[in-house]
């Protein structure tokens, strides 16, 4: 009897998981910066559209993709 190793997911699912991790990294990268050197000064850059509007969507998609990768059925070969 041949003992054949099989992976939990197929290649397509692993690619979706990696895409989710990349989206999370991009989302957190977009949120970086905007702080002030002096804590008593206010920097309005922390409320930029990039940090408040775009980055959360990247994070949401980055969290959603691994769920999708787990839930989609395996391709039958």
C-alpha atoms as a PDB file:
ATOM      1  CA  UNK A   1       0.000   0.000   0.000  1.00  0.00           C
ATOM      2  CA  UNK A   2       1.354   3.354  -1.019  1.00  0.00           C
ATOM      3  CA  UNK A   3       1.257   6.127   1.564  1.00  0.00           C
ATOM      4  CA  UNK A   4       0.590   9.256  -0.455  1.00  0.00           C
ATOM      5  CA  UNK A   5       0.899  12.611   1.312  1.00  0.00           C
ATOM      6  CA  UNK A   6      -1.920  15.007   0.629  1.00  0.00           C
ATOM      7  CA  UNK A   7      -2.199  18.634   1.573  1.00  0.00           C
ATOM      8  CA  UNK A   8      -5.154  20.017   3.450  1.00  0.00           C
ATOM      9  CA  UNK A   9      -5.884  22.569   0.702  1.00  0.00           C
ATOM     10  CA  UNK A  10      -5.212  22.610  -3.001  1.00  0.00           C
ATOM     11  CA  UNK A  11      -3.049  25.200  -4.742  1.00  0.00           C
ATOM     12  CA  UNK A  12      -5.969  27.547  -5.443  1.00  0.00           C
ATOM     13  CA  UNK A  13      -6.930  27.718  -1.766  1.00  0.00           C
ATOM     14  CA  UNK A  14      -3.356  28.400  -0.679  1.00  0.00           C
ATOM     15  CA  UNK A  15      -3.141  31.231  -3.197  1.00  0.00           C
ATOM     16  CA  UNK A  16      -6.342  32.751  -1.777  1.00  0.00           C
ATOM     17  CA  UNK A  17      -4.889  32.479   1.742  1.00  0.00           C
ATOM     18  CA  UNK A  18      -1.676  34.193   0.644  1.00  0.00           C
ATOM     19  CA  UNK A  19      -3.702  36.910  -1.095  1.00  0.00           C
ATOM     20  CA  UNK A  20      -5.538  37.488   2.188  1.00  0.00           C
ATOM     21  CA  UNK A  21      -2.252  37.896   4.061  1.00  0.00           C
ATOM     22  CA  UNK A  22      -0.986  40.316   1.423  1.00  0.00           C
ATOM     23  CA  UNK A  23      -4.190  42.357   1.670  1.00  0.00           C
ATOM     24  CA  UNK A  24      -3.795  42.531   5.458  1.00  0.00           C
ATOM     25  CA  UNK A  25      -0.194  43.688   5.125  1.00  0.00           C
ATOM     26  CA  UNK A  26      -1.197  46.369   2.605  1.00  0.00           C
ATOM     27  CA  UNK A  27      -4.072  47.516   4.828  1.00  0.00           C
ATOM     28  CA  UNK A  28      -1.878  47.885   7.889  1.00  0.00           C
ATOM     29  CA  UNK A  29       0.803  49.540   5.766  1.00  0.00           C
ATOM     30  CA  UNK A  30      -1.696  52.129   4.557  1.00  0.00           C
ATOM     31  CA  UNK A  31      -2.593  52.949   8.159  1.00  0.00           C
ATOM     32  CA  UNK A  32       1.009  53.699   9.132  1.00  0.00           C
ATOM     33  CA  UNK A  33       2.144  57.239   9.847  1.00  0.00           C
ATOM     34  CA  UNK A  34       0.231  60.428  10.416  1.00  0.00           C
ATOM     35  CA  UNK A  35       1.438  60.829  13.969  1.00  0.00           C
ATOM     36  CA  UNK A  36       2.835  64.022  15.387  1.00  0.00           C
ATOM     37  CA  UNK A  37       6.350  64.535  16.732  1.00  0.00           C
ATOM     38  CA  UNK A  38       4.964  66.693  19.513  1.00  0.00           C
ATOM     39  CA  UNK A  39       2.047  65.151  21.437  1.00  0.00           C
ATOM     40  CA  UNK A  40       0.546  68.577  22.118  1.00  0.00           C
ATOM     41  CA  UNK A  41       0.129  69.300  18.382  1.00  0.00           C
ATOM     42  CA  UNK A  42      -2.735  67.896  16.334  1.00  0.00           C
ATOM     43  CA  UNK A  43      -1.956  66.468  12.917  1.00  0.00           C
ATOM     44  CA  UNK A  44      -5.065  66.194  10.701  1.00  0.00           C
ATOM     45  CA  UNK A  45      -3.219  63.674   8.514  1.00  0.00           C
ATOM     46  CA  UNK A  46      -4.356  60.884  10.860  1.00  0.00           C
ATOM     47  CA  UNK A  47      -7.866  61.303   9.450  1.00  0.00           C
ATOM     48  CA  UNK A  48      -6.857  61.144   5.785  1.00  0.00           C
ATOM     49  CA  UNK A  49      -9.047  59.256   3.325  1.00  0.00           C
ATOM     50  CA  UNK A  50      -6.310  56.676   2.888  1.00  0.00           C
ATOM     51  CA  UNK A  51      -6.275  55.776   6.594  1.00  0.00           C
ATOM     52  CA  UNK A  52      -9.994  56.074   7.299  1.00  0.00           C
ATOM     53  CA  UNK A  53     -11.550  54.951   4.010  1.00  0.00           C
ATOM     54  CA  UNK A  54      -9.226  52.780   1.966  1.00  0.00           C
ATOM     55  CA  UNK A  55      -7.174  50.852   4.532  1.00  0.00           C
ATOM     56  CA  UNK A  56     -10.177  49.363   6.382  1.00  0.00           C
ATOM     57  CA  UNK A  57     -11.455  47.904   3.101  1.00  0.00           C
ATOM     58  CA  UNK A  58      -8.103  46.217   2.509  1.00  0.00           C
ATOM     59  CA  UNK A  59      -8.260  44.810   6.043  1.00  0.00           C
ATOM     60  CA  UNK A  60     -11.854  43.634   5.602  1.00  0.00           C
ATOM     61  CA  UNK A  61     -11.040  41.865   2.347  1.00  0.00           C
ATOM     62  CA  UNK A  62      -7.859  40.470   3.896  1.00  0.00           C
ATOM     63  CA  UNK A  63      -9.908  38.927   6.700  1.00  0.00           C
ATOM     64  CA  UNK A  64     -12.631  37.720   4.351  1.00  0.00           C
ATOM     65  CA  UNK A  65     -10.359  35.905   1.868  1.00  0.00           C
ATOM     66  CA  UNK A  66      -9.141  33.185   4.286  1.00  0.00           C
ATOM     67  CA  UNK A  67     -12.758  32.488   5.245  1.00  0.00           C
ATOM     68  CA  UNK A  68     -13.621  32.150   1.559  1.00  0.00           C
ATOM     69  CA  UNK A  69     -10.611  29.869   1.032  1.00  0.00           C
ATOM     70  CA  UNK A  70     -11.778  27.593   3.824  1.00  0.00           C
ATOM     71  CA  UNK A  71     -15.421  27.525   2.762  1.00  0.00           C
ATOM     72  CA  UNK A  72     -15.132  26.929  -1.001  1.00  0.00           C
ATOM     73  CA  UNK A  73     -15.373  23.267  -1.976  1.00  0.00           C
ATOM     74  CA  UNK A  74     -12.350  21.340  -3.190  1.00  0.00           C
ATOM     75  CA  UNK A  75     -11.990  20.831  -6.908  1.00  0.00           C
ATOM     76  CA  UNK A  76     -12.613  17.220  -7.783  1.00  0.00           C
ATOM     77  CA  UNK A  77      -9.833  15.801  -9.908  1.00  0.00           C
END
